[in-house]
Amino acid sequence: MSGTVLALRARPEVLSVGASGAETIAVRVQMPELWDTIAVRCASETSVTMLKRAALDAFGQQLYAPVEYVMKLRGHEVHHEERSVRAVGARDGSTFLLTFRHKRPVR
């Protein structure tokens, strides 16, 4: 399944987060404001906060602080971002949504 996740409508490069020797899972992070998706291979014990910061860097989003963004998994906000991606319910092939916590005005 992870091969499909890493290739499905995502950038060609795969972002690696966390320890390379640990058990890894493949997830996707989508940012709807940019109409962009990245594939991430991360250790299952990587914190959601670490995943969020790596994704924001990959998307080139340094204008706002990471607390201004929210991570969602299966439509629900991840409230305890210090927990691991496995602990919040992510499986191999899961998709996280990374979006602004509050709506931004259209200019």
PDB file of N, CA and C in Angstrom:
ATOM      1  N   MET A   1       0.819  -1.198   0.000  1.00  0.00           N
ATOM      2  CA  MET A   1       0.000   0.000   0.000  1.00  0.00           C
ATOM      3  C   MET A   1       0.859   1.257   0.000  1.00  0.00           C
ATOM      4  N   SER A   2       1.987   1.258   0.709  1.00  0.00           N
ATOM      5  CA  SER A   2       2.784   2.472   0.846  1.00  0.00           C
ATOM      6  C   SER A   2       3.329   2.961  -0.488  1.00  0.00           C
ATOM      7  N   GLY A   3       3.613   2.056  -1.428  1.00  0.00           N
ATOM      8  CA  GLY A   3       4.093   2.482  -2.741  1.00  0.00           C
ATOM      9  C   GLY A   3       3.051   3.313  -3.468  1.00  0.00           C
ATOM     10  N   THR A   4       1.788   2.930  -3.335  1.00  0.00           N
ATOM     11  CA  THR A   4       0.701   3.678  -3.946  1.00  0.00           C
ATOM     12  C   THR A   4       0.551   5.039  -3.292  1.00  0.00           C
ATOM     13  N   VAL A   5       0.624   5.070  -1.973  1.00  0.00           N
ATOM     14  CA  VAL A   5       0.472   6.324  -1.242  1.00  0.00           C
ATOM     15  C   VAL A   5       1.561   7.308  -1.622  1.00  0.00           C
ATOM     16  N   LEU A   6       2.774   6.822  -1.773  1.00  0.00           N
ATOM     17  CA  LEU A   6       3.883   7.714  -2.068  1.00  0.00           C
ATOM     18  C   LEU A   6       3.815   8.262  -3.490  1.00  0.00           C
ATOM     19  N   ALA A   7       3.084   7.620  -4.379  1.00  0.00           N
ATOM     20  CA  ALA A   7       3.031   8.058  -5.774  1.00  0.00           C
ATOM     21  C   ALA A   7       1.731   8.759  -6.135  1.00  0.00           C
ATOM     22  N   LEU A   8       0.707   8.610  -5.343  1.00  0.00           N
ATOM     23  CA  LEU A   8      -0.614   9.111  -5.682  1.00  0.00           C
ATOM     24  C   LEU A   8      -0.717  10.619  -5.492  1.00  0.00           C
ATOM     25  N   ARG A   9      -0.785  11.351  -6.556  1.00  0.00           N
ATOM     26  CA  ARG A   9      -0.982  12.803  -6.574  1.00  0.00           C
ATOM     27  C   ARG A   9      -0.122  13.551  -5.565  1.00  0.00           C
ATOM     28  N   ALA A  10       1.112  13.202  -5.483  1.00  0.00           N
ATOM     29  CA  ALA A  10       2.035  13.885  -4.577  1.00  0.00           C
ATOM     30  C   ALA A  10       3.267  14.303  -5.365  1.00  0.00           C
ATOM     31  N   ARG A  11       4.058  15.147  -4.765  1.00  0.00           N
ATOM     32  CA  ARG A  11       5.327  15.531  -5.380  1.00  0.00           C
ATOM     33  C   ARG A  11       6.171  14.283  -5.603  1.00  0.00           C
ATOM     34  N   PRO A  12       7.077  14.318  -6.580  1.00  0.00           N
ATOM     35  CA  PRO A  12       7.878  13.113  -6.851  1.00  0.00           C
ATOM     36  C   PRO A  12       8.839  12.743  -5.718  1.00  0.00           C
ATOM     37  N   GLU A  13       9.317  13.717  -4.947  1.00  0.00           N
ATOM     38  CA  GLU A  13      10.249  13.396  -3.866  1.00  0.00           C
ATOM     39  C   GLU A  13       9.465  12.974  -2.615  1.00  0.00           C
ATOM     40  N   VAL A  14      10.101  12.137  -1.802  1.00  0.00           N
ATOM     41  CA  VAL A  14       9.506  11.658  -0.558  1.00  0.00           C
ATOM     42  C   VAL A  14      10.284  12.256   0.596  1.00  0.00           C
ATOM     43  N   LEU A  15       9.590  12.908   1.505  1.00  0.00           N
ATOM     44  CA  LEU A  15      10.199  13.536   2.670  1.00  0.00           C
ATOM     45  C   LEU A  15      10.384  12.478   3.752  1.00  0.00           C
ATOM     46  N   SER A  16      11.571  12.407   4.340  1.00  0.00           N
ATOM     47  CA  SER A  16      11.835  11.462   5.433  1.00  0.00           C
ATOM     48  C   SER A  16      11.891  12.221   6.748  1.00  0.00           C
ATOM     49  N   VAL A  17      11.159  11.726   7.733  1.00  0.00           N
ATOM     50  CA  VAL A  17      11.098  12.369   9.045  1.00  0.00           C
ATOM     51  C   VAL A  17      11.282  11.299  10.104  1.00  0.00           C
ATOM     52  N   GLY A  18      12.141  11.556  11.069  1.00  0.00           N
ATOM     53  CA  GLY A  18      12.346  10.616  12.163  1.00  0.00           C
ATOM     54  C   GLY A  18      13.473   9.646  11.890  1.00  0.00           C
ATOM     55  N   ALA A  19      13.606   8.688  12.781  1.00  0.00           N
ATOM     56  CA  ALA A  19      14.698   7.716  12.708  1.00  0.00           C
ATOM     57  C   ALA A  19      14.519   6.786  11.519  1.00  0.00           C
ATOM     58  N   SER A  20      15.599   6.559  10.788  1.00  0.00           N
ATOM     59  CA  SER A  20      15.530   5.707   9.609  1.00  0.00           C
ATOM     60  C   SER A  20      15.527   4.225   9.970  1.00  0.00           C
ATOM     61  N   GLY A  21      16.076   3.858  11.121  1.00  0.00           N
ATOM     62  CA  GLY A  21      16.145   2.458  11.506  1.00  0.00           C
ATOM     63  C   GLY A  21      14.877   1.956  12.179  1.00  0.00           C
ATOM     64  N   ALA A  22      14.004   2.866  12.580  1.00  0.00           N
ATOM     65  CA  ALA A  22      12.784   2.484  13.285  1.00  0.00           C
ATOM     66  C   ALA A  22      11.716   1.995  12.307  1.00  0.00           C
ATOM     67  N   GLU A  23      10.637   1.466  12.855  1.00  0.00           N
ATOM     68  CA  GLU A  23       9.502   1.061  12.028  1.00  0.00           C
ATOM     69  C   GLU A  23       8.933   2.319  11.354  1.00  0.00           C
ATOM     70  N   THR A  24       8.828   2.286  10.039  1.00  0.00           N
ATOM     71  CA  THR A  24       8.361   3.469   9.327  1.00  0.00           C
ATOM     72  C   THR A  24       7.011   3.218   8.688  1.00  0.00           C
ATOM     73  N   ILE A  25       6.278   4.304   8.509  1.00  0.00           N
ATOM     74  CA  ILE A  25       5.011   4.260   7.794  1.00  0.00           C
ATOM     75  C   ILE A  25       5.025   5.371   6.752  1.00  0.00           C
ATOM     76  N   ALA A  26       4.240   5.190   5.708  1.00  0.00           N
ATOM     77  CA  ALA A  26       4.125   6.202   4.656  1.00  0.00           C
ATOM     78  C   ALA A  26       2.803   6.923   4.840  1.00  0.00           C
ATOM     79  N   VAL A  27       2.858   8.235   4.951  1.00  0.00           N
ATOM     80  CA  VAL A  27       1.656   9.061   5.064  1.00  0.00           C
ATOM     81  C   VAL A  27       1.739  10.184   4.043  1.00  0.00           C
ATOM     82  N   ARG A  28       0.622  10.824   3.816  1.00  0.00           N
ATOM     83  CA  ARG A  28       0.600  12.002   2.959  1.00  0.00           C
ATOM     84  C   ARG A  28       0.146  13.179   3.798  1.00  0.00           C
ATOM     85  N   VAL A  29       0.625  14.363   3.460  1.00  0.00           N
ATOM     86  CA  VAL A  29       0.186  15.597   4.103  1.00  0.00           C
ATOM     87  C   VAL A  29      -0.311  16.510   2.995  1.00  0.00           C
ATOM     88  N   GLN A  30      -1.569  16.914   3.090  1.00  0.00           N
ATOM     89  CA  GLN A  30      -2.169  17.796   2.098  1.00  0.00           C
ATOM     90  C   GLN A  30      -2.362  19.181   2.696  1.00  0.00           C
ATOM     91  N   MET A  31      -2.100  20.203   1.888  1.00  0.00           N
ATOM     92  CA  MET A  31      -2.357  21.582   2.292  1.00  0.00           C
ATOM     93  C   MET A  31      -3.270  22.201   1.235  1.00  0.00           C
ATOM     94  N   PRO A  32      -4.566  22.280   1.530  1.00  0.00           N
ATOM     95  CA  PRO A  32      -5.526  22.723   0.507  1.00  0.00           C
ATOM     96  C   PRO A  32      -5.317  24.159   0.038  1.00  0.00           C
ATOM     97  N   GLU A  33      -4.782  25.025   0.888  1.00  0.00           N
ATOM     98  CA  GLU A  33      -4.553  26.410   0.480  1.00  0.00           C
ATOM     99  C   GLU A  33      -3.543  26.499  -0.659  1.00  0.00           C
ATOM    100  N   LEU A  34      -2.662  25.536  -0.747  1.00  0.00           N
ATOM    101  CA  LEU A  34      -1.643  25.516  -1.796  1.00  0.00           C
ATOM    102  C   LEU A  34      -1.975  24.531  -2.910  1.00  0.00           C
ATOM    103  N   TRP A  35      -3.044  23.759  -2.739  1.00  0.00           N
ATOM    104  CA  TRP A  35      -3.386  22.694  -3.686  1.00  0.00           C
ATOM    105  C   TRP A  35      -2.172  21.776  -3.882  1.00  0.00           C
ATOM    106  N   ASP A  36      -1.555  21.383  -2.786  1.00  0.00           N
ATOM    107  CA  ASP A  36      -0.329  20.598  -2.865  1.00  0.00           C
ATOM    108  C   ASP A  36      -0.372  19.459  -1.847  1.00  0.00           C
ATOM    109  N   THR A  37       0.342  18.403  -2.171  1.00  0.00           N
ATOM    110  CA  THR A  37       0.438  17.217  -1.321  1.00  0.00           C
ATOM    111  C   THR A  37       1.875  16.731  -1.318  1.00  0.00           C
ATOM    112  N   ILE A  38       2.341  16.311  -0.142  1.00  0.00           N
ATOM    113  CA  ILE A  38       3.668  15.712  -0.065  1.00  0.00           C
ATOM    114  C   ILE A  38       3.544  14.313   0.540  1.00  0.00           C
ATOM    115  N   ALA A  39       4.402  13.432   0.098  1.00  0.00           N
ATOM    116  CA  ALA A  39       4.490  12.092   0.658  1.00  0.00           C
ATOM    117  C   ALA A  39       5.582  12.110   1.713  1.00  0.00           C
ATOM    118  N   VAL A  40       5.310  11.467   2.836  1.00  0.00           N
ATOM    119  CA  VAL A  40       6.255  11.461   3.950  1.00  0.00           C
ATOM    120  C   VAL A  40       6.450  10.031   4.427  1.00  0.00           C
ATOM    121  N   ARG A  41       7.702   9.637   4.563  1.00  0.00           N
ATOM    122  CA  ARG A  41       8.025   8.371   5.208  1.00  0.00           C
ATOM    123  C   ARG A  41       8.581   8.754   6.574  1.00  0.00           C
ATOM    124  N   CYS A  42       7.879   8.312   7.617  1.00  0.00           N
ATOM    125  CA  CYS A  42       8.294   8.707   8.964  1.00  0.00           C
ATOM    126  C   CYS A  42       8.271   7.509   9.895  1.00  0.00           C
ATOM    127  N   ALA A  43       9.033   7.624  10.973  1.00  0.00           N
ATOM    128  CA  ALA A  43       8.996   6.599  12.013  1.00  0.00           C
ATOM    129  C   ALA A  43       7.627   6.647  12.663  1.00  0.00           C
ATOM    130  N   SER A  44       7.094   5.507  13.026  1.00  0.00           N
ATOM    131  CA  SER A  44       5.754   5.477  13.621  1.00  0.00           C
ATOM    132  C   SER A  44       5.707   6.204  14.964  1.00  0.00           C
ATOM    133  N   GLU A  45       6.851   6.408  15.586  1.00  0.00           N
ATOM    134  CA  GLU A  45       6.911   7.124  16.867  1.00  0.00           C
ATOM    135  C   GLU A  45       7.226   8.610  16.701  1.00  0.00           C
ATOM    136  N   THR A  46       7.257   9.110  15.471  1.00  0.00           N
ATOM    137  CA  THR A  46       7.467  10.533  15.225  1.00  0.00           C
ATOM    138  C   THR A  46       6.266  11.309  15.734  1.00  0.00           C
ATOM    139  N   SER A  47       6.507  12.410  16.425  1.00  0.00           N
ATOM    140  CA  SER A  47       5.389  13.198  16.945  1.00  0.00           C
ATOM    141  C   SER A  47       4.694  13.935  15.801  1.00  0.00           C
ATOM    142  N   VAL A  48       3.429  14.211  16.003  1.00  0.00           N
ATOM    143  CA  VAL A  48       2.656  14.955  15.009  1.00  0.00           C
ATOM    144  C   VAL A  48       3.239  16.359  14.864  1.00  0.00           C
ATOM    145  N   THR A  49       3.751  16.934  15.949  1.00  0.00           N
ATOM    146  CA  THR A  49       4.383  18.253  15.890  1.00  0.00           C
ATOM    147  C   THR A  49       5.589  18.235  14.955  1.00  0.00           C
ATOM    148  N   MET A  50       6.407  17.197  15.042  1.00  0.00           N
ATOM    149  CA  MET A  50       7.585  17.087  14.183  1.00  0.00           C
ATOM    150  C   MET A  50       7.158  16.923  12.711  1.00  0.00           C
ATOM    151  N   LEU A  51       6.125  16.122  12.482  1.00  0.00           N
ATOM    152  CA  LEU A  51       5.596  15.940  11.132  1.00  0.00           C
ATOM    153  C   LEU A  51       5.061  17.258  10.580  1.00  0.00           C
ATOM    154  N   LYS A  52       4.346  18.007  11.413  1.00  0.00           N
ATOM    155  CA  LYS A  52       3.780  19.291  10.995  1.00  0.00           C
ATOM    156  C   LYS A  52       4.880  20.278  10.602  1.00  0.00           C
ATOM    157  N   ARG A  53       5.907  20.389  11.429  1.00  0.00           N
ATOM    158  CA  ARG A  53       6.994  21.333  11.138  1.00  0.00           C
ATOM    159  C   ARG A  53       7.760  20.954   9.870  1.00  0.00           C
ATOM    160  N   ALA A  54       7.994  19.659   9.684  1.00  0.00           N
ATOM    161  CA  ALA A  54       8.681  19.203   8.471  1.00  0.00           C
ATOM    162  C   ALA A  54       7.830  19.489   7.235  1.00  0.00           C
ATOM    163  N   ALA A  55       6.525  19.280   7.342  1.00  0.00           N
ATOM    164  CA  ALA A  55       5.625  19.549   6.213  1.00  0.00           C
ATOM    165  C   ALA A  55       5.562  21.048   5.916  1.00  0.00           C
ATOM    166  N   LEU A  56       5.492  21.880   6.944  1.00  0.00           N
ATOM    167  CA  LEU A  56       5.469  23.331   6.726  1.00  0.00           C
ATOM    168  C   LEU A  56       6.742  23.792   6.036  1.00  0.00           C
ATOM    169  N   ASP A  57       7.886  23.247   6.434  1.00  0.00           N
ATOM    170  CA  ASP A  57       9.145  23.584   5.768  1.00  0.00           C
ATOM    171  C   ASP A  57       9.126  23.138   4.312  1.00  0.00           C
ATOM    172  N   ALA A  58       8.625  21.937   4.062  1.00  0.00           N
ATOM    173  CA  ALA A  58       8.572  21.418   2.691  1.00  0.00           C
ATOM    174  C   ALA A  58       7.627  22.245   1.815  1.00  0.00           C
ATOM    175  N   PHE A  59       6.547  22.734   2.411  1.00  0.00           N
ATOM    176  CA  PHE A  59       5.603  23.576   1.679  1.00  0.00           C
ATOM    177  C   PHE A  59       6.087  25.026   1.565  1.00  0.00           C
ATOM    178  N   GLY A  60       7.158  25.376   2.292  1.00  0.00           N
ATOM    179  CA  GLY A  60       7.693  26.732   2.244  1.00  0.00           C
ATOM    180  C   GLY A  60       6.858  27.725   3.031  1.00  0.00           C
ATOM    181  N   GLN A  61       6.243  27.259   4.091  1.00  0.00           N
ATOM    182  CA  GLN A  61       5.369  28.108   4.903  1.00  0.00           C
ATOM    183  C   GLN A  61       6.074  28.536   6.187  1.00  0.00           C
ATOM    184  N   GLN A  62       6.765  29.661   6.139  1.00  0.00           N
ATOM    185  CA  GLN A  62       7.432  30.179   7.336  1.00  0.00           C
ATOM    186  C   GLN A  62       6.848  31.513   7.788  1.00  0.00           C
ATOM    187  N   LEU A  63       5.822  32.003   7.115  1.00  0.00           N
ATOM    188  CA  LEU A  63       5.252  33.314   7.436  1.00  0.00           C
ATOM    189  C   LEU A  63       4.522  33.309   8.778  1.00  0.00           C
ATOM    190  N   TYR A  64       3.815  32.216   9.067  1.00  0.00           N
ATOM    191  CA  TYR A  64       3.056  32.106  10.310  1.00  0.00           C
ATOM    192  C   TYR A  64       3.677  31.040  11.198  1.00  0.00           C
ATOM    193  N   ALA A  65       3.458  31.173  12.495  1.00  0.00           N
ATOM    194  CA  ALA A  65       3.968  30.188  13.458  1.00  0.00           C
ATOM    195  C   ALA A  65       3.219  28.866  13.292  1.00  0.00           C
ATOM    196  N   PRO A  66       3.860  27.745  13.610  1.00  0.00           N
ATOM    197  CA  PRO A  66       3.197  26.445  13.487  1.00  0.00           C
ATOM    198  C   PRO A  66       1.893  26.322  14.272  1.00  0.00           C
ATOM    199  N   VAL A  67       1.754  27.072  15.372  1.00  0.00           N
ATOM    200  CA  VAL A  67       0.503  26.997  16.147  1.00  0.00           C
ATOM    201  C   VAL A  67      -0.682  27.591  15.383  1.00  0.00           C
ATOM    202  N   GLU A  68      -0.414  28.357  14.327  1.00  0.00           N
ATOM    203  CA  GLU A  68      -1.481  28.926  13.498  1.00  0.00           C
ATOM    204  C   GLU A  68      -2.072  27.897  12.532  1.00  0.00           C
ATOM    205  N   TYR A  69      -1.482  26.708  12.491  1.00  0.00           N
ATOM    206  CA  TYR A  69      -1.941  25.648  11.604  1.00  0.00           C
ATOM    207  C   TYR A  69      -2.499  24.501  12.435  1.00  0.00           C
ATOM    208  N   VAL A  70      -3.406  23.763  11.862  1.00  0.00           N
ATOM    209  CA  VAL A  70      -3.998  22.609  12.526  1.00  0.00           C
ATOM    210  C   VAL A  70      -3.776  21.374  11.653  1.00  0.00           C
ATOM    211  N   MET A  71      -3.522  20.253  12.314  1.00  0.00           N
ATOM    212  CA  MET A  71      -3.407  18.964  11.624  1.00  0.00           C
ATOM    213  C   MET A  71      -4.703  18.201  11.868  1.00  0.00           C
ATOM    214  N   LYS A  72      -5.242  17.633  10.795  1.00  0.00           N
ATOM    215  CA  LYS A  72      -6.454  16.828  10.911  1.00  0.00           C
ATOM    216  C   LYS A  72      -6.175  15.440  10.360  1.00  0.00           C
ATOM    217  N   LEU A  73      -6.801  14.469  10.975  1.00  0.00           N
ATOM    218  CA  LEU A  73      -6.700  13.085  10.528  1.00  0.00           C
ATOM    219  C   LEU A  73      -8.107  12.521  10.492  1.00  0.00           C
ATOM    220  N   ARG A  74      -8.515  12.036   9.342  1.00  0.00           N
ATOM    221  CA  ARG A  74      -9.861  11.513   9.128  1.00  0.00           C
ATOM    222  C   ARG A  74     -10.934  12.523   9.522  1.00  0.00           C
ATOM    223  N   GLY A  75     -10.686  13.809   9.229  1.00  0.00           N
ATOM    224  CA  GLY A  75     -11.674  14.859   9.444  1.00  0.00           C
ATOM    225  C   GLY A  75     -11.701  15.470  10.823  1.00  0.00           C
ATOM    226  N   HIS A  76     -10.896  14.950  11.732  1.00  0.00           N
ATOM    227  CA  HIS A  76     -10.895  15.459  13.104  1.00  0.00           C
ATOM    228  C   HIS A  76      -9.553  16.088  13.433  1.00  0.00           C
ATOM    229  N   GLU A  77      -9.607  17.188  14.184  1.00  0.00           N
ATOM    230  CA  GLU A  77      -8.378  17.854  14.590  1.00  0.00           C
ATOM    231  C   GLU A  77      -7.577  16.953  15.526  1.00  0.00           C
ATOM    232  N   VAL A  78      -6.270  16.933  15.335  1.00  0.00           N
ATOM    233  CA  VAL A  78      -5.375  16.215  16.244  1.00  0.00           C
ATOM    234  C   VAL A  78      -5.063  17.185  17.382  1.00  0.00           C
ATOM    235  N   HIS A  79      -5.660  16.941  18.549  1.00  0.00           N
ATOM    236  CA  HIS A  79      -5.524  17.870  19.676  1.00  0.00           C
ATOM    237  C   HIS A  79      -4.212  17.715  20.428  1.00  0.00           C
ATOM    238  N   HIS A  80      -3.686  16.522  20.489  1.00  0.00           N
ATOM    239  CA  HIS A  80      -2.450  16.260  21.239  1.00  0.00           C
ATOM    240  C   HIS A  80      -1.329  15.995  20.247  1.00  0.00           C
ATOM    241  N   GLU A  81      -0.784  17.066  19.696  1.00  0.00           N
ATOM    242  CA  GLU A  81       0.236  16.940  18.656  1.00  0.00           C
ATOM    243  C   GLU A  81       1.574  16.431  19.171  1.00  0.00           C
ATOM    244  N   GLU A  82       1.754  16.383  20.477  1.00  0.00           N
ATOM    245  CA  GLU A  82       2.995  15.843  21.025  1.00  0.00           C
ATOM    246  C   GLU A  82       2.996  14.312  20.967  1.00  0.00           C
ATOM    247  N   ARG A  83       1.852  13.701  20.722  1.00  0.00           N
ATOM    248  CA  ARG A  83       1.751  12.243  20.616  1.00  0.00           C
ATOM    249  C   ARG A  83       2.295  11.787  19.263  1.00  0.00           C
ATOM    250  N   SER A  84       2.607  10.508  19.181  1.00  0.00           N
ATOM    251  CA  SER A  84       3.170   9.965  17.941  1.00  0.00           C
ATOM    252  C   SER A  84       2.079   9.809  16.885  1.00  0.00           C
ATOM    253  N   VAL A  85       2.512   9.724  15.624  1.00  0.00           N
ATOM    254  CA  VAL A  85       1.541   9.571  14.535  1.00  0.00           C
ATOM    255  C   VAL A  85       0.770   8.258  14.699  1.00  0.00           C
ATOM    256  N   ARG A  86       1.425   7.223  15.182  1.00  0.00           N
ATOM    257  CA  ARG A  86       0.748   5.940  15.421  1.00  0.00           C
ATOM    258  C   ARG A  86      -0.274   6.081  16.549  1.00  0.00           C
ATOM    259  N   ALA A  87       0.082   6.813  17.622  1.00  0.00           N
ATOM    260  CA  ALA A  87      -0.805   6.962  18.779  1.00  0.00           C
ATOM    261  C   ALA A  87      -2.076   7.752  18.450  1.00  0.00           C
ATOM    262  N   VAL A  88      -2.008   8.662  17.490  1.00  0.00           N
ATOM    263  CA  VAL A  88      -3.210   9.426  17.130  1.00  0.00           C
ATOM    264  C   VAL A  88      -4.080   8.685  16.119  1.00  0.00           C
ATOM    265  N   GLY A  89      -3.627   7.509  15.676  1.00  0.00           N
ATOM    266  CA  GLY A  89      -4.456   6.691  14.808  1.00  0.00           C
ATOM    267  C   GLY A  89      -4.023   6.598  13.364  1.00  0.00           C
ATOM    268  N   ALA A  90      -2.885   7.151  13.018  1.00  0.00           N
ATOM    269  CA  ALA A  90      -2.412   7.078  11.632  1.00  0.00           C
ATOM    270  C   ALA A  90      -1.904   5.674  11.332  1.00  0.00           C
ATOM    271  N   ARG A  91      -2.219   5.207  10.141  1.00  0.00           N
ATOM    272  CA  ARG A  91      -1.740   3.909   9.670  1.00  0.00           C
ATOM    273  C   ARG A  91      -0.943   4.153   8.398  1.00  0.00           C
ATOM    274  N   ASP A  92      -0.319   3.112   7.918  1.00  0.00           N
ATOM    275  CA  ASP A  92       0.389   3.209   6.648  1.00  0.00           C
ATOM    276  C   ASP A  92      -0.637   3.574   5.573  1.00  0.00           C
ATOM    277  N   GLY A  93      -0.436   4.713   4.920  1.00  0.00           N
ATOM    278  CA  GLY A  93      -1.355   5.172   3.891  1.00  0.00           C
ATOM    279  C   GLY A  93      -2.301   6.266   4.342  1.00  0.00           C
ATOM    280  N   SER A  94      -2.240   6.679   5.602  1.00  0.00           N
ATOM    281  CA  SER A  94      -3.130   7.736   6.099  1.00  0.00           C
ATOM    282  C   SER A  94      -2.775   9.085   5.477  1.00  0.00           C
ATOM    283  N   THR A  95      -3.757   9.965   5.446  1.00  0.00           N
ATOM    284  CA  THR A  95      -3.554  11.318   4.934  1.00  0.00           C
ATOM    285  C   THR A  95      -3.887  12.324   6.028  1.00  0.00           C
ATOM    286  N   PHE A  96      -2.936  13.198   6.312  1.00  0.00           N
ATOM    287  CA  PHE A  96      -3.149  14.306   7.239  1.00  0.00           C
ATOM    288  C   PHE A  96      -3.505  15.543   6.426  1.00  0.00           C
ATOM    289  N   LEU A  97      -4.403  16.353   6.934  1.00  0.00           N
ATOM    290  CA  LEU A  97      -4.739  17.634   6.328  1.00  0.00           C
ATOM    291  C   LEU A  97      -4.086  18.715   7.182  1.00  0.00           C
ATOM    292  N   LEU A  98      -3.289  19.558   6.581  1.00  0.00           N
ATOM    293  CA  LEU A  98      -2.604  20.660   7.265  1.00  0.00           C
ATOM    294  C   LEU A  98      -3.200  21.951   6.735  1.00  0.00           C
ATOM    295  N   THR A  99      -3.877  22.682   7.606  1.00  0.00           N
ATOM    296  CA  THR A  99      -4.565  23.885   7.164  1.00  0.00           C
ATOM    297  C   THR A  99      -4.503  24.952   8.249  1.00  0.00           C
ATOM    298  N   PHE A 100      -4.882  26.164   7.892  1.00  0.00           N
ATOM    299  CA  PHE A 100      -4.891  27.252   8.866  1.00  0.00           C
ATOM    300  C   PHE A 100      -5.943  26.994   9.937  1.00  0.00           C
ATOM    301  N   ARG A 101      -5.622  27.346  11.160  1.00  0.00           N
ATOM    302  CA  ARG A 101      -6.562  27.188  12.267  1.00  0.00           C
ATOM    303  C   ARG A 101      -7.756  28.127  12.090  1.00  0.00           C
ATOM    304  N   HIS A 102      -7.506  29.337  11.604  1.00  0.00           N
ATOM    305  CA  HIS A 102      -8.569  30.326  11.381  1.00  0.00           C
ATOM    306  C   HIS A 102      -8.580  30.702   9.907  1.00  0.00           C
ATOM    307  N   LYS A 103      -9.743  31.043   9.399  1.00  0.00           N
ATOM    308  CA  LYS A 103      -9.851  31.440   7.991  1.00  0.00           C
ATOM    309  C   LYS A 103      -9.069  32.717   7.745  1.00  0.00           C
ATOM    310  N   ARG A 104      -8.471  32.810   6.574  1.00  0.00           N
ATOM    311  CA  ARG A 104      -7.694  33.976   6.161  1.00  0.00           C
ATOM    312  C   ARG A 104      -8.518  34.804   5.189  1.00  0.00           C
ATOM    313  N   PRO A 105      -8.423  36.124   5.258  1.00  0.00           N
ATOM    314  CA  PRO A 105      -9.169  36.953   4.304  1.00  0.00           C
ATOM    315  C   PRO A 105      -8.636  36.786   2.884  1.00  0.00           C
ATOM    316  N   VAL A 106      -9.533  36.822   1.947  1.00  0.00           N
ATOM    317  CA  VAL A 106      -9.160  36.726   0.543  1.00  0.00           C
ATOM    318  C   VAL A 106      -8.804  38.130   0.069  1.00  0.00           C
ATOM    319  N   ARG A 107      -7.659  38.245  -0.579  1.00  0.00           N
ATOM    320  CA  ARG A 107      -7.227  39.573  -1.054  1.00  0.00           C
ATOM    321  C   ARG A 107      -7.194  39.603  -2.554  1.00  0.00           C
TER     322      ARG A 107
END
